[in-house]
Amino acid sequence: MVENSFLVFPNIDPIIFSLGPLHVRWYGLMYLVGFVAAYLLAHKRLENTSWSKEQLSDLLFWSFVGVILGGRIGYVLFYQFELFLAEPAYLFKIWAGGMSFHGGLIGVLVAMYWRARKMNSTFLQVGDFVAPLVPIGLGAGRIGNFLNAELWGRTTDVPWAIIFPNAGNVPRHPSQLYEFALEGVLLFIILWLYSAKPRPVGAVSGLFLLGYGAFRFIVEFFREPDAHLGLYDIGLSQGQMLCIPMIGLGLWLMVRAYRQQSTVTTNNQSNKA
């Protein structure tokens, strides 16, 4: 539907259907789709490891738990800290909404560190395995944001601008779809192709941090900042500030991985000589 030459977001009920007190929501369904897709792709990659199916299932399960717990805690601490101080119980009000990718990432990292010890692997080896699977969930989550008509973009007059409900009745960037395209589709393609060949340990993890950080940093210029946070004096959003250390860490991991590989290769050549 078009109004004043701009698209108007259709009236989509966030609840798909209800079974008594149980409400199945689009956002929850997208999380499930992302998890199932990651599970299937992980089994495809399992043949290149020495892990069992049981070890893989445990890794994915606890990573999923890490996403949920870390995502919620991160959102409250990064974006609603003052509200949390005023009302600590807000942390547990999951029905009120609010998830943070950066918090979810920390939750996954904790889960991976714990499971790596159980799997007789290193933290970075597990990270290199998991990294190409993450964009699937990210992309599904952004579609969930779009269907919920939340996390919309800044005002604009581009032809594909959308008027979202409860967003001031003005045309805005569909930034959720930008994130789906960059953080979901493009990042998945890059990581999947890059990890298809043997890489030094830590390089795939580094590329994920670098790629996500860079793509999210770019999209934040089109995404409406959180109303209660706004922009920092330097013109950057909270999301961009959180991406800067990700980009730096990703670059460091990749440089470190290839330097260590070069050192090993040089030592091997010296030993043969």
Protein backbone atom coordinates (compact mmCIF):
# COMPACT_ATOMS: atom_id res chain seq x y z
CA MET A 1 0.00 0.00 0.00
CA VAL A 2 1.30 3.49 -0.85
CA GLU A 3 0.52 6.80 0.88
CA ASN A 4 1.97 10.06 -0.43
CA SER A 5 4.31 8.00 -2.65
CA PHE A 6 5.72 6.13 0.38
CA LEU A 7 5.04 2.56 1.45
CA VAL A 8 2.89 2.06 4.53
CA PHE A 9 3.71 -0.88 6.76
CA PRO A 10 0.83 -3.41 6.71
CA ASN A 11 -1.04 -4.23 9.88
CA ILE A 12 0.76 -7.42 10.95
CA ASP A 13 -0.24 -8.99 14.25
CA PRO A 14 2.97 -9.85 16.19
CA ILE A 15 1.15 -12.97 17.43
CA ILE A 16 0.82 -15.66 14.75
CA PHE A 17 -1.66 -17.77 16.72
CA SER A 18 -2.58 -18.60 20.29
CA LEU A 19 -3.21 -21.87 22.08
CA GLY A 20 -4.84 -20.91 25.35
CA PRO A 21 -2.28 -18.88 27.32
CA LEU A 22 0.47 -19.76 24.82
CA HIS A 23 1.14 -17.10 22.20
CA VAL A 24 3.33 -17.93 19.22
CA ARG A 25 4.96 -14.72 18.02
CA TRP A 26 6.79 -13.91 14.80
CA TYR A 27 9.91 -12.88 16.69
CA GLY A 28 10.05 -16.18 18.58
CA LEU A 29 9.45 -18.10 15.36
CA MET A 30 12.38 -16.29 13.71
CA TYR A 31 14.64 -17.28 16.60
CA LEU A 32 13.54 -20.90 16.11
CA VAL A 33 14.16 -20.72 12.34
CA GLY A 34 17.65 -19.33 12.95
CA PHE A 35 18.48 -22.03 15.48
CA VAL A 36 17.22 -24.89 13.28
CA ALA A 37 19.12 -23.56 10.25
CA ALA A 38 22.31 -23.21 12.31
CA TYR A 39 21.82 -26.76 13.64
CA LEU A 40 21.51 -28.23 10.13
CA LEU A 41 24.51 -26.31 8.81
CA ALA A 42 26.56 -27.30 11.87
CA HIS A 43 25.94 -30.98 11.15
CA LYS A 44 27.15 -30.40 7.61
CA ARG A 45 30.42 -28.98 8.99
CA LEU A 46 30.76 -31.68 11.66
CA GLU A 47 32.55 -34.09 9.30
CA ASN A 48 35.57 -31.79 9.30
CA THR A 49 35.99 -32.10 13.08
CA SER A 50 36.71 -34.84 15.61
CA TRP A 51 33.61 -34.01 17.65
CA SER A 52 30.63 -36.31 18.17
CA LYS A 53 27.04 -35.41 17.39
CA GLU A 54 26.33 -35.31 21.12
CA GLN A 55 29.13 -32.80 21.70
CA LEU A 56 27.83 -30.67 18.86
CA SER A 57 24.27 -30.76 20.19
CA ASP A 58 25.46 -29.68 23.64
CA LEU A 59 27.51 -26.86 22.12
CA LEU A 60 24.58 -25.53 20.10
CA PHE A 61 22.13 -25.87 22.98
CA TRP A 62 24.27 -23.94 25.44
CA SER A 63 25.13 -21.38 22.79
CA PHE A 64 21.40 -20.81 22.29
CA VAL A 65 20.97 -20.41 26.05
CA GLY A 66 23.86 -17.95 25.98
CA VAL A 67 22.15 -15.92 23.24
CA ILE A 68 18.93 -15.61 25.23
CA LEU A 69 20.45 -14.86 28.63
CA GLY A 70 23.26 -12.70 27.33
CA GLY A 71 20.97 -10.87 24.93
CA ARG A 72 18.57 -9.92 27.69
CA ILE A 73 21.20 -9.00 30.27
CA GLY A 74 23.16 -7.05 27.67
CA TYR A 75 20.10 -5.08 26.59
CA VAL A 76 19.29 -4.10 30.16
CA LEU A 77 22.88 -3.13 31.02
CA PHE A 78 23.80 -1.46 27.71
CA TYR A 79 20.52 0.27 26.88
CA GLN A 80 18.31 0.38 30.00
CA PHE A 81 20.80 0.62 32.86
CA GLU A 82 19.07 3.54 34.59
CA LEU A 83 15.75 1.71 34.47
CA PHE A 84 17.47 -1.37 35.89
CA LEU A 85 18.89 0.66 38.78
CA ALA A 86 15.43 2.04 39.53
CA GLU A 87 13.72 -1.33 39.12
CA PRO A 88 16.09 -4.36 39.24
CA ALA A 89 13.16 -6.72 38.55
CA TYR A 90 13.03 -5.23 35.02
CA LEU A 91 15.84 -7.63 34.13
CA PHE A 92 13.37 -10.53 34.36
CA LYS A 93 10.51 -8.85 32.48
CA ILE A 94 11.29 -10.63 29.24
CA TRP A 95 7.73 -10.07 28.00
CA ALA A 96 8.48 -6.34 27.92
CA GLY A 97 10.91 -6.99 25.05
CA GLY A 98 14.50 -6.01 24.55
CA MET A 99 17.47 -8.06 23.33
CA SER A 100 21.03 -6.94 22.56
CA PHE A 101 23.24 -8.59 19.97
CA HIS A 102 26.39 -7.56 21.80
CA GLY A 103 25.06 -9.05 25.03
CA GLY A 104 24.04 -12.20 23.19
CA LEU A 105 27.55 -12.43 21.73
CA ILE A 106 29.08 -12.29 25.20
CA GLY A 107 26.68 -15.02 26.31
CA VAL A 108 27.71 -17.23 23.40
CA LEU A 109 31.40 -16.62 24.09
CA VAL A 110 30.95 -17.77 27.68
CA ALA A 111 29.11 -20.90 26.51
CA MET A 112 31.79 -21.65 23.90
CA TYR A 113 34.62 -21.24 26.41
CA TRP A 114 32.92 -23.69 28.78
CA ARG A 115 32.08 -26.25 26.08
CA ALA A 116 35.54 -26.02 24.45
CA ARG A 117 37.07 -27.40 27.64
CA LYS A 118 34.59 -30.29 27.57
CA MET A 119 35.33 -30.99 23.89
CA ASN A 120 39.14 -31.05 24.26
CA SER A 121 39.36 -28.11 21.87
CA THR A 122 40.53 -24.53 22.14
CA PHE A 123 38.22 -21.57 22.47
CA LEU A 124 39.24 -20.21 19.05
CA GLN A 125 38.75 -23.58 17.34
CA VAL A 126 35.17 -23.65 18.61
CA GLY A 127 34.76 -20.00 17.63
CA ASP A 128 35.92 -20.69 14.07
CA PHE A 129 33.35 -23.49 13.83
CA VAL A 130 30.44 -21.45 15.21
CA ALA A 131 31.13 -18.12 13.48
CA PRO A 132 29.78 -19.04 9.99
CA LEU A 133 26.53 -20.24 11.59
CA VAL A 134 25.73 -17.01 13.45
CA PRO A 135 24.62 -14.81 10.50
CA ILE A 136 21.70 -17.17 9.85
CA GLY A 137 20.26 -16.37 13.26
CA LEU A 138 21.08 -12.68 12.88
CA GLY A 139 19.24 -12.49 9.57
CA ALA A 140 16.21 -14.33 10.93
CA GLY A 141 16.14 -12.01 13.94
CA ARG A 142 16.15 -8.92 11.72
CA ILE A 143 13.19 -10.27 9.77
CA GLY A 144 11.48 -10.70 13.13
CA ASN A 145 12.25 -7.06 13.95
CA PHE A 146 10.74 -5.99 10.63
CA LEU A 147 7.56 -8.05 11.11
CA ASN A 148 7.21 -6.54 14.58
CA ALA A 149 7.63 -3.05 13.07
CA GLU A 150 10.38 -2.27 15.59
CA LEU A 151 13.93 -0.90 15.43
CA TRP A 152 13.00 1.15 12.38
CA GLY A 153 15.33 3.53 10.61
CA ARG A 154 15.80 7.28 10.50
CA THR A 155 13.51 9.53 8.50
CA THR A 156 14.20 9.69 4.78
CA ASP A 157 12.62 10.39 1.40
CA VAL A 158 14.14 7.47 -0.54
CA PRO A 159 11.60 5.71 -2.82
CA TRP A 160 11.59 2.55 -0.68
CA ALA A 161 10.95 4.40 2.61
CA ILE A 162 8.26 2.90 4.82
CA ILE A 163 5.83 4.56 7.23
CA PHE A 164 5.90 2.34 10.31
CA PRO A 165 3.16 2.34 12.95
CA ASN A 166 4.03 4.18 16.17
CA ALA A 167 6.99 5.83 14.42
CA GLY A 168 5.68 9.35 13.97
CA ASN A 169 3.75 8.78 10.73
CA VAL A 170 6.84 9.74 8.70
CA PRO A 171 8.74 7.71 6.07
CA ARG A 172 11.77 5.87 7.42
CA HIS A 173 14.58 3.63 6.25
CA PRO A 174 13.66 -0.06 6.60
CA SER A 175 16.95 -0.51 8.46
CA GLN A 176 15.90 -3.96 9.67
CA LEU A 177 16.09 -5.14 6.05
CA TYR A 178 19.45 -3.46 5.58
CA GLU A 179 20.74 -5.42 8.56
CA PHE A 180 19.17 -8.61 7.22
CA ALA A 181 20.99 -8.12 3.91
CA LEU A 182 24.39 -7.19 5.40
CA GLU A 183 24.61 -8.93 8.79
CA GLY A 184 22.58 -11.92 7.65
CA VAL A 185 22.94 -12.75 3.96
CA LEU A 186 26.21 -11.07 2.93
CA LEU A 187 28.10 -11.92 6.12
CA PHE A 188 26.97 -15.54 5.88
CA ILE A 189 28.20 -15.81 2.27
CA ILE A 190 31.56 -14.25 3.16
CA LEU A 191 32.15 -16.49 6.18
CA TRP A 192 30.87 -19.66 4.55
CA LEU A 193 33.12 -19.26 1.51
CA TYR A 194 36.11 -18.13 3.58
CA SER A 195 35.80 -21.06 6.00
CA ALA A 196 35.41 -23.59 3.17
CA LYS A 197 39.22 -23.77 2.95
CA PRO A 198 41.66 -24.41 5.81
CA ARG A 199 42.45 -21.18 7.66
CA PRO A 200 44.78 -20.46 10.61
CA VAL A 201 43.07 -20.85 13.97
CA GLY A 202 41.26 -17.66 14.96
CA ALA A 203 41.03 -16.20 11.45
CA VAL A 204 37.37 -17.12 10.88
CA SER A 205 36.41 -15.79 14.32
CA GLY A 206 38.29 -12.60 13.57
CA LEU A 207 36.60 -12.16 10.21
CA PHE A 208 33.20 -12.57 11.85
CA LEU A 209 33.91 -9.87 14.44
CA LEU A 210 35.35 -7.57 11.79
CA GLY A 211 32.53 -8.17 9.31
CA TYR A 212 29.67 -7.84 11.76
CA GLY A 213 31.20 -4.84 13.46
CA ALA A 214 31.73 -3.04 10.15
CA PHE A 215 28.28 -3.86 8.73
CA ARG A 216 26.46 -2.92 11.94
CA PHE A 217 28.48 0.29 12.21
CA ILE A 218 27.39 1.26 8.68
CA VAL A 219 23.70 0.42 9.16
CA GLU A 220 23.57 2.42 12.40
CA PHE A 221 23.82 5.58 10.27
CA PHE A 222 20.37 4.66 8.86
CA ARG A 223 18.84 3.25 12.06
CA GLU A 224 16.95 5.45 14.50
CA PRO A 225 18.99 5.81 17.72
CA ASP A 226 17.37 4.74 20.96
CA ALA A 227 15.21 7.66 22.07
CA HIS A 228 16.48 7.65 25.67
CA LEU A 229 20.13 7.44 24.57
CA GLY A 230 20.33 9.46 21.38
CA LEU A 231 23.78 10.01 19.89
CA TYR A 232 27.08 10.66 21.58
CA ASP A 233 28.72 14.07 21.13
CA ILE A 234 30.86 12.63 18.34
CA GLY A 235 27.71 11.70 16.39
CA LEU A 236 27.83 7.96 16.99
CA SER A 237 25.12 5.72 18.46
CA GLN A 238 25.46 3.27 21.32
CA GLY A 239 25.45 0.42 18.81
CA GLN A 240 28.36 1.97 16.91
CA MET A 241 30.34 2.52 20.08
CA LEU A 242 29.91 -1.18 20.92
CA CYS A 243 31.02 -2.16 17.40
CA ILE A 244 34.33 -0.30 17.52
CA PRO A 245 36.01 -2.77 19.92
CA MET A 246 34.57 -5.65 17.87
CA ILE A 247 36.24 -4.33 14.73
CA GLY A 248 39.54 -3.83 16.55
CA LEU A 249 39.43 -7.29 18.12
CA GLY A 250 38.54 -8.88 14.78
CA LEU A 251 41.48 -7.24 13.03
CA TRP A 252 43.82 -8.26 15.85
CA LEU A 253 42.65 -11.89 15.73
CA MET A 254 43.17 -12.14 11.98
CA VAL A 255 46.62 -10.55 12.07
CA ARG A 256 47.59 -12.77 15.00
CA ALA A 257 46.32 -15.90 13.25
CA TYR A 258 48.31 -15.32 10.07
CA ARG A 259 51.43 -14.23 11.93
CA GLN A 260 51.38 -17.41 13.98
CA GLN A 261 50.83 -19.47 10.83
CA SER A 262 53.80 -17.72 9.19
CA THR A 263 55.94 -18.45 12.25
CA VAL A 264 55.00 -22.14 12.21
CA THR A 265 55.71 -22.39 8.46
CA THR A 266 59.10 -20.72 8.85
CA ASN A 267 60.06 -22.97 11.75
CA ASN A 268 59.04 -26.08 9.79
CA GLN A 269 61.13 -24.99 6.82
CA SER A 270 64.12 -24.36 9.11
CA ASN A 271 63.76 -27.81 10.65
CA LYS A 272 63.68 -29.43 7.20
CA ALA A 273 66.77 -27.50 6.16
